[in-house]
Amino acid sequence: MGKVLYTDFEGIDSIIDTMMDNPQLKKAVTRTTLFKFWDNILPQKFKGKSRPFSMLPKGVMVVACANPVVAQELSLYKVMLLKKFEPYIKSMKMKVNDLKFDPKKWSVNV
């Protein structure tokens, strides 16, 4: 077996830069990162009972809920949640105008 020379390595930073040029991948990474902040804005009693599921057109975030009661209660907190979520949304340069709470998405999301 001949000697292998490793001189044409591409740095990880250039690989990531190339990957992030893909708009769909960039959008997915941004959404996933934003979704990770969800627990930071929730009242304690809802942690573990809801999680972001998807984004709809016009900036509507769909939130999967453990049951209809959680969905109803969270809908009462909607304005407060959007207000607390605002700094995260702005820092990621995203647009979230509304929250839709859906208990039917919970089994798919768990």
PDB file of N, CA and C in Angstrom:
ATOM      1  N   MET A   1       0.839  -1.169   0.000  1.00  0.00           N
ATOM      2  CA  MET A   1       0.000   0.000   0.000  1.00  0.00           C
ATOM      3  C   MET A   1       0.888   1.237   0.000  1.00  0.00           C
ATOM      4  N   GLY A   2       0.556   2.165  -0.864  1.00  0.00           N
ATOM      5  CA  GLY A   2       1.360   3.373  -0.999  1.00  0.00           C
ATOM      6  C   GLY A   2       1.061   4.376   0.098  1.00  0.00           C
ATOM      7  N   LYS A   3       1.952   5.326   0.212  1.00  0.00           N
ATOM      8  CA  LYS A   3       1.823   6.364   1.214  1.00  0.00           C
ATOM      9  C   LYS A   3       0.740   7.361   0.779  1.00  0.00           C
ATOM     10  N   VAL A   4      -0.155   7.704   1.687  1.00  0.00           N
ATOM     11  CA  VAL A   4      -1.238   8.642   1.391  1.00  0.00           C
ATOM     12  C   VAL A   4      -0.860   9.997   1.979  1.00  0.00           C
ATOM     13  N   LEU A   5      -0.915  11.019   1.139  1.00  0.00           N
ATOM     14  CA  LEU A   5      -0.609  12.370   1.609  1.00  0.00           C
ATOM     15  C   LEU A   5      -1.916  13.127   1.842  1.00  0.00           C
ATOM     16  N   TYR A   6      -2.049  13.693   2.995  1.00  0.00           N
ATOM     17  CA  TYR A   6      -3.241  14.437   3.337  1.00  0.00           C
ATOM     18  C   TYR A   6      -2.932  15.938   3.313  1.00  0.00           C
ATOM     19  N   THR A   7      -2.919  16.485   2.151  1.00  0.00           N
ATOM     20  CA  THR A   7      -2.553  17.898   2.050  1.00  0.00           C
ATOM     21  C   THR A   7      -3.695  18.776   1.551  1.00  0.00           C
ATOM     22  N   ASP A   8      -4.743  18.163   1.021  1.00  0.00           N
ATOM     23  CA  ASP A   8      -5.832  18.954   0.467  1.00  0.00           C
ATOM     24  C   ASP A   8      -7.062  18.948   1.361  1.00  0.00           C
ATOM     25  N   PHE A   9      -6.852  19.037   2.667  1.00  0.00           N
ATOM     26  CA  PHE A   9      -7.984  19.088   3.588  1.00  0.00           C
ATOM     27  C   PHE A   9      -8.726  20.402   3.445  1.00  0.00           C
ATOM     28  N   GLU A  10     -10.026  20.293   3.580  1.00  0.00           N
ATOM     29  CA  GLU A  10     -10.856  21.491   3.602  1.00  0.00           C
ATOM     30  C   GLU A  10     -11.268  21.712   5.060  1.00  0.00           C
ATOM     31  N   GLY A  11     -11.095  22.913   5.544  1.00  0.00           N
ATOM     32  CA  GLY A  11     -11.415  23.225   6.938  1.00  0.00           C
ATOM     33  C   GLY A  11     -12.908  23.116   7.213  1.00  0.00           C
ATOM     34  N   ILE A  12     -13.240  22.782   8.444  1.00  0.00           N
ATOM     35  CA  ILE A  12     -14.640  22.627   8.824  1.00  0.00           C
ATOM     36  C   ILE A  12     -15.404  23.929   8.653  1.00  0.00           C
ATOM     37  N   ASP A  13     -14.753  25.056   8.874  1.00  0.00           N
ATOM     38  CA  ASP A  13     -15.426  26.346   8.721  1.00  0.00           C
ATOM     39  C   ASP A  13     -15.870  26.585   7.283  1.00  0.00           C
ATOM     40  N   SER A  14     -15.059  26.182   6.321  1.00  0.00           N
ATOM     41  CA  SER A  14     -15.467  26.370   4.920  1.00  0.00           C
ATOM     42  C   SER A  14     -16.567  25.380   4.526  1.00  0.00           C
ATOM     43  N   ILE A  15     -16.557  24.202   5.123  1.00  0.00           N
ATOM     44  CA  ILE A  15     -17.630  23.225   4.856  1.00  0.00           C
ATOM     45  C   ILE A  15     -18.957  23.746   5.396  1.00  0.00           C
ATOM     46  N   ILE A  16     -18.936  24.274   6.616  1.00  0.00           N
ATOM     47  CA  ILE A  16     -20.160  24.824   7.214  1.00  0.00           C
ATOM     48  C   ILE A  16     -20.643  26.028   6.417  1.00  0.00           C
ATOM     49  N   ASP A  17     -19.720  26.896   6.004  1.00  0.00           N
ATOM     50  CA  ASP A  17     -20.106  28.054   5.184  1.00  0.00           C
ATOM     51  C   ASP A  17     -20.794  27.612   3.898  1.00  0.00           C
ATOM     52  N   THR A  18     -20.256  26.593   3.269  1.00  0.00           N
ATOM     53  CA  THR A  18     -20.848  26.077   2.032  1.00  0.00           C
ATOM     54  C   THR A  18     -22.235  25.505   2.305  1.00  0.00           C
ATOM     55  N   MET A  19     -22.375  24.755   3.391  1.00  0.00           N
ATOM     56  CA  MET A  19     -23.680  24.178   3.730  1.00  0.00           C
ATOM     57  C   MET A  19     -24.701  25.260   4.033  1.00  0.00           C
ATOM     58  N   MET A  20     -24.281  26.317   4.730  1.00  0.00           N
ATOM     59  CA  MET A  20     -25.208  27.373   5.117  1.00  0.00           C
ATOM     60  C   MET A  20     -25.593  28.271   3.940  1.00  0.00           C
ATOM     61  N   ASP A  21     -24.948  28.086   2.801  1.00  0.00           N
ATOM     62  CA  ASP A  21     -25.365  28.803   1.595  1.00  0.00           C
ATOM     63  C   ASP A  21     -26.680  28.247   1.059  1.00  0.00           C
ATOM     64  N   ASN A  22     -27.029  27.041   1.474  1.00  0.00           N
ATOM     65  CA  ASN A  22     -28.288  26.434   1.068  1.00  0.00           C
ATOM     66  C   ASN A  22     -29.413  27.074   1.887  1.00  0.00           C
ATOM     67  N   PRO A  23     -30.319  27.832   1.239  1.00  0.00           N
ATOM     68  CA  PRO A  23     -31.355  28.550   1.989  1.00  0.00           C
ATOM     69  C   PRO A  23     -32.285  27.640   2.794  1.00  0.00           C
ATOM     70  N   GLN A  24     -32.584  26.466   2.279  1.00  0.00           N
ATOM     71  CA  GLN A  24     -33.481  25.558   3.000  1.00  0.00           C
ATOM     72  C   GLN A  24     -32.817  25.027   4.269  1.00  0.00           C
ATOM     73  N   LEU A  25     -31.552  24.704   4.172  1.00  0.00           N
ATOM     74  CA  LEU A  25     -30.821  24.219   5.343  1.00  0.00           C
ATOM     75  C   LEU A  25     -30.678  25.338   6.378  1.00  0.00           C
ATOM     76  N   LYS A  26     -30.378  26.531   5.917  1.00  0.00           N
ATOM     77  CA  LYS A  26     -30.238  27.669   6.814  1.00  0.00           C
ATOM     78  C   LYS A  26     -31.550  27.942   7.559  1.00  0.00           C
ATOM     79  N   LYS A  27     -32.665  27.854   6.836  1.00  0.00           N
ATOM     80  CA  LYS A  27     -33.986  28.064   7.424  1.00  0.00           C
ATOM     81  C   LYS A  27     -34.272  26.988   8.481  1.00  0.00           C
ATOM     82  N   ALA A  28     -33.951  25.741   8.169  1.00  0.00           N
ATOM     83  CA  ALA A  28     -34.191  24.637   9.099  1.00  0.00           C
ATOM     84  C   ALA A  28     -33.357  24.789  10.364  1.00  0.00           C
ATOM     85  N   VAL A  29     -32.107  25.175  10.219  1.00  0.00           N
ATOM     86  CA  VAL A  29     -31.228  25.359  11.380  1.00  0.00           C
ATOM     87  C   VAL A  29     -31.737  26.512  12.245  1.00  0.00           C
ATOM     88  N   THR A  30     -32.155  27.593  11.618  1.00  0.00           N
ATOM     89  CA  THR A  30     -32.678  28.748  12.353  1.00  0.00           C
ATOM     90  C   THR A  30     -33.939  28.377  13.117  1.00  0.00           C
ATOM     91  N   ARG A  31     -34.860  27.680  12.477  1.00  0.00           N
ATOM     92  CA  ARG A  31     -36.101  27.260  13.151  1.00  0.00           C
ATOM     93  C   ARG A  31     -35.811  26.336  14.320  1.00  0.00           C
ATOM     94  N   THR A  32     -34.943  25.377  14.103  1.00  0.00           N
ATOM     95  CA  THR A  32     -34.605  24.426  15.164  1.00  0.00           C
ATOM     96  C   THR A  32     -34.000  25.149  16.359  1.00  0.00           C
ATOM     97  N   THR A  33     -33.137  26.100  16.089  1.00  0.00           N
ATOM     98  CA  THR A  33     -32.526  26.876  17.164  1.00  0.00           C
ATOM     99  C   THR A  33     -33.581  27.680  17.909  1.00  0.00           C
ATOM    100  N   LEU A  34     -34.475  28.318  17.179  1.00  0.00           N
ATOM    101  CA  LEU A  34     -35.548  29.090  17.805  1.00  0.00           C
ATOM    102  C   LEU A  34     -36.436  28.197  18.660  1.00  0.00           C
ATOM    103  N   PHE A  35     -36.763  27.019  18.163  1.00  0.00           N
ATOM    104  CA  PHE A  35     -37.624  26.089  18.900  1.00  0.00           C
ATOM    105  C   PHE A  35     -36.999  25.687  20.240  1.00  0.00           C
ATOM    106  N   LYS A  36     -35.678  25.675  20.317  1.00  0.00           N
ATOM    107  CA  LYS A  36     -35.007  25.278  21.562  1.00  0.00           C
ATOM    108  C   LYS A  36     -35.225  26.296  22.687  1.00  0.00           C
ATOM    109  N   PHE A  37     -35.613  27.516  22.337  1.00  0.00           N
ATOM    110  CA  PHE A  37     -35.850  28.545  23.347  1.00  0.00           C
ATOM    111  C   PHE A  37     -37.259  28.480  23.935  1.00  0.00           C
ATOM    112  N   TRP A  38     -38.113  27.612  23.428  1.00  0.00           N
ATOM    113  CA  TRP A  38     -39.507  27.556  23.852  1.00  0.00           C
ATOM    114  C   TRP A  38     -39.644  27.398  25.369  1.00  0.00           C
ATOM    115  N   ASP A  39     -38.910  26.470  25.948  1.00  0.00           N
ATOM    116  CA  ASP A  39     -39.025  26.233  27.395  1.00  0.00           C
ATOM    117  C   ASP A  39     -38.599  27.454  28.220  1.00  0.00           C
ATOM    118  N   ASN A  40     -37.771  28.328  27.652  1.00  0.00           N
ATOM    119  CA  ASN A  40     -37.330  29.525  28.380  1.00  0.00           C
ATOM    120  C   ASN A  40     -38.468  30.512  28.620  1.00  0.00           C
ATOM    121  N   ILE A  41     -39.513  30.469  27.803  1.00  0.00           N
ATOM    122  CA  ILE A  41     -40.584  31.457  27.923  1.00  0.00           C
ATOM    123  C   ILE A  41     -41.836  30.893  28.587  1.00  0.00           C
ATOM    124  N   LEU A  42     -41.896  29.592  28.756  1.00  0.00           N
ATOM    125  CA  LEU A  42     -43.101  28.958  29.313  1.00  0.00           C
ATOM    126  C   LEU A  42     -43.210  29.120  30.818  1.00  0.00           C
ATOM    127  N   PRO A  43     -44.438  29.295  31.317  1.00  0.00           N
ATOM    128  CA  PRO A  43     -44.637  29.167  32.764  1.00  0.00           C
ATOM    129  C   PRO A  43     -44.282  27.733  33.185  1.00  0.00           C
ATOM    130  N   GLN A  44     -43.785  27.573  34.385  1.00  0.00           N
ATOM    131  CA  GLN A  44     -43.277  26.280  34.875  1.00  0.00           C
ATOM    132  C   GLN A  44     -44.272  25.133  34.685  1.00  0.00           C
ATOM    133  N   LYS A  45     -45.544  25.364  34.926  1.00  0.00           N
ATOM    134  CA  LYS A  45     -46.513  24.264  34.885  1.00  0.00           C
ATOM    135  C   LYS A  45     -46.729  23.700  33.480  1.00  0.00           C
ATOM    136  N   PHE A  46     -46.270  24.398  32.448  1.00  0.00           N
ATOM    137  CA  PHE A  46     -46.451  23.909  31.073  1.00  0.00           C
ATOM    138  C   PHE A  46     -45.205  23.241  30.496  1.00  0.00           C
ATOM    139  N   LYS A  47     -44.102  23.293  31.217  1.00  0.00           N
ATOM    140  CA  LYS A  47     -42.868  22.686  30.701  1.00  0.00           C
ATOM    141  C   LYS A  47     -43.048  21.183  30.600  1.00  0.00           C
ATOM    142  N   GLY A  48     -42.698  20.634  29.467  1.00  0.00           N
ATOM    143  CA  GLY A  48     -42.872  19.207  29.211  1.00  0.00           C
ATOM    144  C   GLY A  48     -44.253  18.848  28.695  1.00  0.00           C
ATOM    145  N   LYS A  49     -45.136  19.833  28.592  1.00  0.00           N
ATOM    146  CA  LYS A  49     -46.496  19.565  28.120  1.00  0.00           C
ATOM    147  C   LYS A  49     -46.786  20.241  26.783  1.00  0.00           C
ATOM    148  N   SER A  50     -45.781  20.927  26.247  1.00  0.00           N
ATOM    149  CA  SER A  50     -45.931  21.545  24.932  1.00  0.00           C
ATOM    150  C   SER A  50     -44.546  21.708  24.316  1.00  0.00           C
ATOM    151  N   ARG A  51     -44.508  21.736  22.988  1.00  0.00           N
ATOM    152  CA  ARG A  51     -43.245  21.985  22.278  1.00  0.00           C
ATOM    153  C   ARG A  51     -43.571  22.452  20.866  1.00  0.00           C
ATOM    154  N   PRO A  52     -42.736  23.326  20.316  1.00  0.00           N
ATOM    155  CA  PRO A  52     -42.951  23.778  18.940  1.00  0.00           C
ATOM    156  C   PRO A  52     -42.959  22.590  17.989  1.00  0.00           C
ATOM    157  N   PHE A  53     -43.855  22.644  17.022  1.00  0.00           N
ATOM    158  CA  PHE A  53     -44.013  21.544  16.079  1.00  0.00           C
ATOM    159  C   PHE A  53     -43.588  21.949  14.671  1.00  0.00           C
ATOM    160  N   SER A  54     -44.083  23.105  14.204  1.00  0.00           N
ATOM    161  CA  SER A  54     -43.761  23.539  12.841  1.00  0.00           C
ATOM    162  C   SER A  54     -44.090  25.014  12.692  1.00  0.00           C
ATOM    163  N   MET A  55     -43.767  25.528  11.515  1.00  0.00           N
ATOM    164  CA  MET A  55     -44.105  26.907  11.169  1.00  0.00           C
ATOM    165  C   MET A  55     -45.024  26.877   9.962  1.00  0.00           C
ATOM    166  N   LEU A  56     -46.058  27.704  10.008  1.00  0.00           N
ATOM    167  CA  LEU A  56     -46.973  27.875   8.889  1.00  0.00           C
ATOM    168  C   LEU A  56     -46.656  29.201   8.199  1.00  0.00           C
ATOM    169  N   PRO A  57     -47.193  29.393   7.004  1.00  0.00           N
ATOM    170  CA  PRO A  57     -46.984  30.684   6.342  1.00  0.00           C
ATOM    171  C   PRO A  57     -47.491  31.844   7.205  1.00  0.00           C
ATOM    172  N   LYS A  58     -46.997  33.004   6.922  1.00  0.00           N
ATOM    173  CA  LYS A  58     -47.360  34.252   7.607  1.00  0.00           C
ATOM    174  C   LYS A  58     -46.934  34.260   9.071  1.00  0.00           C
ATOM    175  N   GLY A  59     -45.889  33.496   9.412  1.00  0.00           N
ATOM    176  CA  GLY A  59     -45.329  33.554  10.753  1.00  0.00           C
ATOM    177  C   GLY A  59     -46.157  32.931  11.854  1.00  0.00           C
ATOM    178  N   VAL A  60     -46.873  31.862  11.553  1.00  0.00           N
ATOM    179  CA  VAL A  60     -47.673  31.173  12.574  1.00  0.00           C
ATOM    180  C   VAL A  60     -46.904  29.935  13.043  1.00  0.00           C
ATOM    181  N   MET A  61     -46.581  29.906  14.331  1.00  0.00           N
ATOM    182  CA  MET A  61     -45.889  28.753  14.897  1.00  0.00           C
ATOM    183  C   MET A  61     -46.928  27.796  15.471  1.00  0.00           C
ATOM    184  N   VAL A  62     -46.849  26.536  15.051  1.00  0.00           N
ATOM    185  CA  VAL A  62     -47.737  25.504  15.571  1.00  0.00           C
ATOM    186  C   VAL A  62     -47.036  24.864  16.770  1.00  0.00           C
ATOM    187  N   VAL A  63     -47.753  24.808  17.878  1.00  0.00           N
ATOM    188  CA  VAL A  63     -47.210  24.238  19.111  1.00  0.00           C
ATOM    189  C   VAL A  63     -48.017  22.996  19.455  1.00  0.00           C
ATOM    190  N   ALA A  64     -47.331  21.862  19.545  1.00  0.00           N
ATOM    191  CA  ALA A  64     -47.987  20.616  19.948  1.00  0.00           C
ATOM    192  C   ALA A  64     -48.203  20.655  21.457  1.00  0.00           C
ATOM    193  N   CYS A  65     -49.387  20.244  21.884  1.00  0.00           N
ATOM    194  CA  CYS A  65     -49.744  20.258  23.310  1.00  0.00           C
ATOM    195  C   CYS A  65     -50.151  18.859  23.762  1.00  0.00           C
ATOM    196  N   ALA A  66     -49.862  18.551  25.011  1.00  0.00           N
ATOM    197  CA  ALA A  66     -50.132  17.217  25.554  1.00  0.00           C
ATOM    198  C   ALA A  66     -51.611  16.865  25.548  1.00  0.00           C
ATOM    199  N   ASN A  67     -52.477  17.871  25.697  1.00  0.00           N
ATOM    200  CA  ASN A  67     -53.917  17.621  25.702  1.00  0.00           C
ATOM    201  C   ASN A  67     -54.656  18.922  25.425  1.00  0.00           C
ATOM    202  N   PRO A  68     -55.968  18.844  25.181  1.00  0.00           N
ATOM    203  CA  PRO A  68     -56.735  20.060  24.877  1.00  0.00           C
ATOM    204  C   PRO A  68     -56.744  21.098  26.004  1.00  0.00           C
ATOM    205  N   VAL A  69     -56.649  20.657  27.245  1.00  0.00           N
ATOM    206  CA  VAL A  69     -56.649  21.589  28.368  1.00  0.00           C
ATOM    207  C   VAL A  69     -55.395  22.465  28.324  1.00  0.00           C
ATOM    208  N   VAL A  70     -54.256  21.844  28.063  1.00  0.00           N
ATOM    209  CA  VAL A  70     -53.005  22.602  27.940  1.00  0.00           C
ATOM    210  C   VAL A  70     -53.103  23.580  26.771  1.00  0.00           C
ATOM    211  N   ALA A  71     -53.650  23.115  25.650  1.00  0.00           N
ATOM    212  CA  ALA A  71     -53.811  23.987  24.484  1.00  0.00           C
ATOM    213  C   ALA A  71     -54.681  25.196  24.815  1.00  0.00           C
ATOM    214  N   GLN A  72     -55.773  24.962  25.518  1.00  0.00           N
ATOM    215  CA  GLN A  72     -56.674  26.055  25.884  1.00  0.00           C
ATOM    216  C   GLN A  72     -55.999  27.038  26.833  1.00  0.00           C
ATOM    217  N   GLU A  73     -55.326  26.509  27.845  1.00  0.00           N
ATOM    218  CA  GLU A  73     -54.661  27.400  28.803  1.00  0.00           C
ATOM    219  C   GLU A  73     -53.555  28.211  28.132  1.00  0.00           C
ATOM    220  N   LEU A  74     -52.777  27.564  27.285  1.00  0.00           N
ATOM    221  CA  LEU A  74     -51.709  28.293  26.587  1.00  0.00           C
ATOM    222  C   LEU A  74     -52.278  29.374  25.677  1.00  0.00           C
ATOM    223  N   SER A  75     -53.429  29.112  25.077  1.00  0.00           N
ATOM    224  CA  SER A  75     -54.027  30.129  24.217  1.00  0.00           C
ATOM    225  C   SER A  75     -54.393  31.377  25.024  1.00  0.00           C
ATOM    226  N   LEU A  76     -54.694  31.206  26.305  1.00  0.00           N
ATOM    227  CA  LEU A  76     -54.962  32.358  27.169  1.00  0.00           C
ATOM    228  C   LEU A  76     -53.686  33.150  27.470  1.00  0.00           C
ATOM    229  N   TYR A  77     -52.545  32.493  27.390  1.00  0.00           N
ATOM    230  CA  TYR A  77     -51.242  33.123  27.619  1.00  0.00           C
ATOM    231  C   TYR A  77     -50.586  33.608  26.319  1.00  0.00           C
ATOM    232  N   LYS A  78     -51.262  33.493  25.199  1.00  0.00           N
ATOM    233  CA  LYS A  78     -50.651  33.736  23.892  1.00  0.00           C
ATOM    234  C   LYS A  78     -49.934  35.085  23.796  1.00  0.00           C
ATOM    235  N   VAL A  79     -50.587  36.158  24.205  1.00  0.00           N
ATOM    236  CA  VAL A  79     -49.981  37.496  24.099  1.00  0.00           C
ATOM    237  C   VAL A  79     -48.710  37.572  24.941  1.00  0.00           C
ATOM    238  N   MET A  80     -48.772  37.040  26.169  1.00  0.00           N
ATOM    239  CA  MET A  80     -47.610  37.048  27.047  1.00  0.00           C
ATOM    240  C   MET A  80     -46.467  36.205  26.458  1.00  0.00           C
ATOM    241  N   LEU A  81     -46.800  35.042  25.899  1.00  0.00           N
ATOM    242  CA  LEU A  81     -45.778  34.178  25.300  1.00  0.00           C
ATOM    243  C   LEU A  81     -45.099  34.857  24.112  1.00  0.00           C
ATOM    244  N   LEU A  82     -45.880  35.482  23.261  1.00  0.00           N
ATOM    245  CA  LEU A  82     -45.305  36.183  22.103  1.00  0.00           C
ATOM    246  C   LEU A  82     -44.386  37.315  22.563  1.00  0.00           C
ATOM    247  N   LYS A  83     -44.783  38.012  23.603  1.00  0.00           N
ATOM    248  CA  LYS A  83     -43.975  39.115  24.139  1.00  0.00           C
ATOM    249  C   LYS A  83     -42.652  38.595  24.692  1.00  0.00           C
ATOM    250  N   LYS A  84     -42.703  37.487  25.448  1.00  0.00           N
ATOM    251  CA  LYS A  84     -41.483  36.909  26.019  1.00  0.00           C
ATOM    252  C   LYS A  84     -40.602  36.266  24.943  1.00  0.00           C
ATOM    253  N   PHE A  85     -41.209  35.805  23.863  1.00  0.00           N
ATOM    254  CA  PHE A  85     -40.485  35.142  22.777  1.00  0.00           C
ATOM    255  C   PHE A  85     -39.830  36.159  21.838  1.00  0.00           C
ATOM    256  N   GLU A  86     -40.304  37.390  21.874  1.00  0.00           N
ATOM    257  CA  GLU A  86     -39.864  38.427  20.946  1.00  0.00           C
ATOM    258  C   GLU A  86     -38.343  38.621  20.872  1.00  0.00           C
ATOM    259  N   PRO A  87     -37.612  38.714  21.992  1.00  0.00           N
ATOM    260  CA  PRO A  87     -36.157  38.896  21.882  1.00  0.00           C
ATOM    261  C   PRO A  87     -35.469  37.759  21.124  1.00  0.00           C
ATOM    262  N   TYR A  88     -35.924  36.532  21.334  1.00  0.00           N
ATOM    263  CA  TYR A  88     -35.334  35.389  20.630  1.00  0.00           C
ATOM    264  C   TYR A  88     -35.643  35.468  19.134  1.00  0.00           C
ATOM    265  N   ILE A  89     -36.877  35.824  18.821  1.00  0.00           N
ATOM    266  CA  ILE A  89     -37.319  35.917  17.430  1.00  0.00           C
ATOM    267  C   ILE A  89     -36.514  36.982  16.696  1.00  0.00           C
ATOM    268  N   LYS A  90     -36.366  38.144  17.337  1.00  0.00           N
ATOM    269  CA  LYS A  90     -35.623  39.238  16.704  1.00  0.00           C
ATOM    270  C   LYS A  90     -34.156  38.893  16.518  1.00  0.00           C
ATOM    271  N   SER A  91     -33.554  38.254  17.508  1.00  0.00           N
ATOM    272  CA  SER A  91     -32.134  37.917  17.401  1.00  0.00           C
ATOM    273  C   SER A  91     -31.871  36.919  16.275  1.00  0.00           C
ATOM    274  N   MET A  92     -32.870  36.112  15.946  1.00  0.00           N
ATOM    275  CA  MET A  92     -32.712  35.125  14.879  1.00  0.00           C
ATOM    276  C   MET A  92     -33.224  35.658  13.540  1.00  0.00           C
ATOM    277  N   LYS A  93     -33.709  36.901  13.563  1.00  0.00           N
ATOM    278  CA  LYS A  93     -34.252  37.543  12.361  1.00  0.00           C
ATOM    279  C   LYS A  93     -35.365  36.706  11.735  1.00  0.00           C
ATOM    280  N   MET A  94     -36.250  36.242  12.599  1.00  0.00           N
ATOM    281  CA  MET A  94     -37.400  35.464  12.156  1.00  0.00           C
ATOM    282  C   MET A  94     -38.667  36.263  12.388  1.00  0.00           C
ATOM    283  N   LYS A  95     -39.758  35.712  11.908  1.00  0.00           N
ATOM    284  CA  LYS A  95     -41.050  36.367  12.050  1.00  0.00           C
ATOM    285  C   LYS A  95     -42.035  35.349  12.618  1.00  0.00           C
ATOM    286  N   VAL A  96     -42.512  35.615  13.844  1.00  0.00           N
ATOM    287  CA  VAL A  96     -43.555  34.797  14.456  1.00  0.00           C
ATOM    288  C   VAL A  96     -44.638  35.773  14.907  1.00  0.00           C
ATOM    289  N   ASN A  97     -45.756  35.754  14.203  1.00  0.00           N
ATOM    290  CA  ASN A  97     -46.848  36.678  14.488  1.00  0.00           C
ATOM    291  C   ASN A  97     -47.943  36.067  15.339  1.00  0.00           C
ATOM    292  N   ASP A  98     -48.018  34.729  15.337  1.00  0.00           N
ATOM    293  CA  ASP A  98     -49.119  34.079  16.024  1.00  0.00           C
ATOM    294  C   ASP A  98     -48.693  32.687  16.471  1.00  0.00           C
ATOM    295  N   LEU A  99     -49.395  32.167  17.454  1.00  0.00           N
ATOM    296  CA  LEU A  99     -49.165  30.810  17.943  1.00  0.00           C
ATOM    297  C   LEU A  99     -50.461  30.024  17.795  1.00  0.00           C
ATOM    298  N   LYS A 100     -50.344  28.813  17.291  1.00  0.00           N
ATOM    299  CA  LYS A 100     -51.501  27.924  17.164  1.00  0.00           C
ATOM    300  C   LYS A 100     -51.204  26.689  18.014  1.00  0.00           C
ATOM    301  N   PHE A 101     -52.047  26.431  19.000  1.00  0.00           N
ATOM    302  CA  PHE A 101     -51.841  25.317  19.917  1.00  0.00           C
ATOM    303  C   PHE A 101     -52.688  24.138  19.467  1.00  0.00           C
ATOM    304  N   ASP A 102     -52.036  22.995  19.213  1.00  0.00           N
ATOM    305  CA  ASP A 102     -52.720  21.854  18.610  1.00  0.00           C
ATOM    306  C   ASP A 102     -52.409  20.561  19.369  1.00  0.00           C
ATOM    307  N   PRO A 103     -53.376  20.035  20.123  1.00  0.00           N
ATOM    308  CA  PRO A 103     -53.137  18.778  20.849  1.00  0.00           C
ATOM    309  C   PRO A 103     -53.029  17.570  19.924  1.00  0.00           C
ATOM    310  N   LYS A 104     -53.550  17.661  18.711  1.00  0.00           N
ATOM    311  CA  LYS A 104     -53.484  16.526  17.776  1.00  0.00           C
ATOM    312  C   LYS A 104     -52.051  16.254  17.314  1.00  0.00           C
ATOM    313  N   LYS A 105     -51.186  17.243  17.389  1.00  0.00           N
ATOM    314  CA  LYS A 105     -49.799  17.090  16.940  1.00  0.00           C
ATOM    315  C   LYS A 105     -48.917  16.426  18.004  1.00  0.00           C
ATOM    316  N   TRP A 106     -49.416  16.304  19.229  1.00  0.00           N
ATOM    317  CA  TRP A 106     -48.592  15.796  20.309  1.00  0.00           C
ATOM    318  C   TRP A 106     -48.105  14.365  20.064  1.00  0.00           C
ATOM    319  N   SER A 107     -48.970  13.466  19.677  1.00  0.00           N
ATOM    320  CA  SER A 107     -48.562  12.064  19.476  1.00  0.00           C
ATOM    321  C   SER A 107     -47.554  11.925  18.355  1.00  0.00           C
ATOM    322  N   VAL A 108     -47.638  12.797  17.361  1.00  0.00           N
ATOM    323  CA  VAL A 108     -46.679  12.781  16.249  1.00  0.00           C
ATOM    324  C   VAL A 108     -45.332  13.291  16.728  1.00  0.00           C
ATOM    325  N   ASN A 109     -45.349  14.209  17.658  1.00  0.00           N
ATOM    326  CA  ASN A 109     -44.139  14.919  18.081  1.00  0.00           C
ATOM    327  C   ASN A 109     -43.377  14.246  19.221  1.00  0.00           C
ATOM    328  N   VAL A 110     -43.982  13.314  19.915  1.00  0.00           N
ATOM    329  CA  VAL A 110     -43.328  12.706  21.086  1.00  0.00           C
ATOM    330  C   VAL A 110     -42.328  11.668  20.697  1.00  0.00           C
TER     331      VAL A 110
END
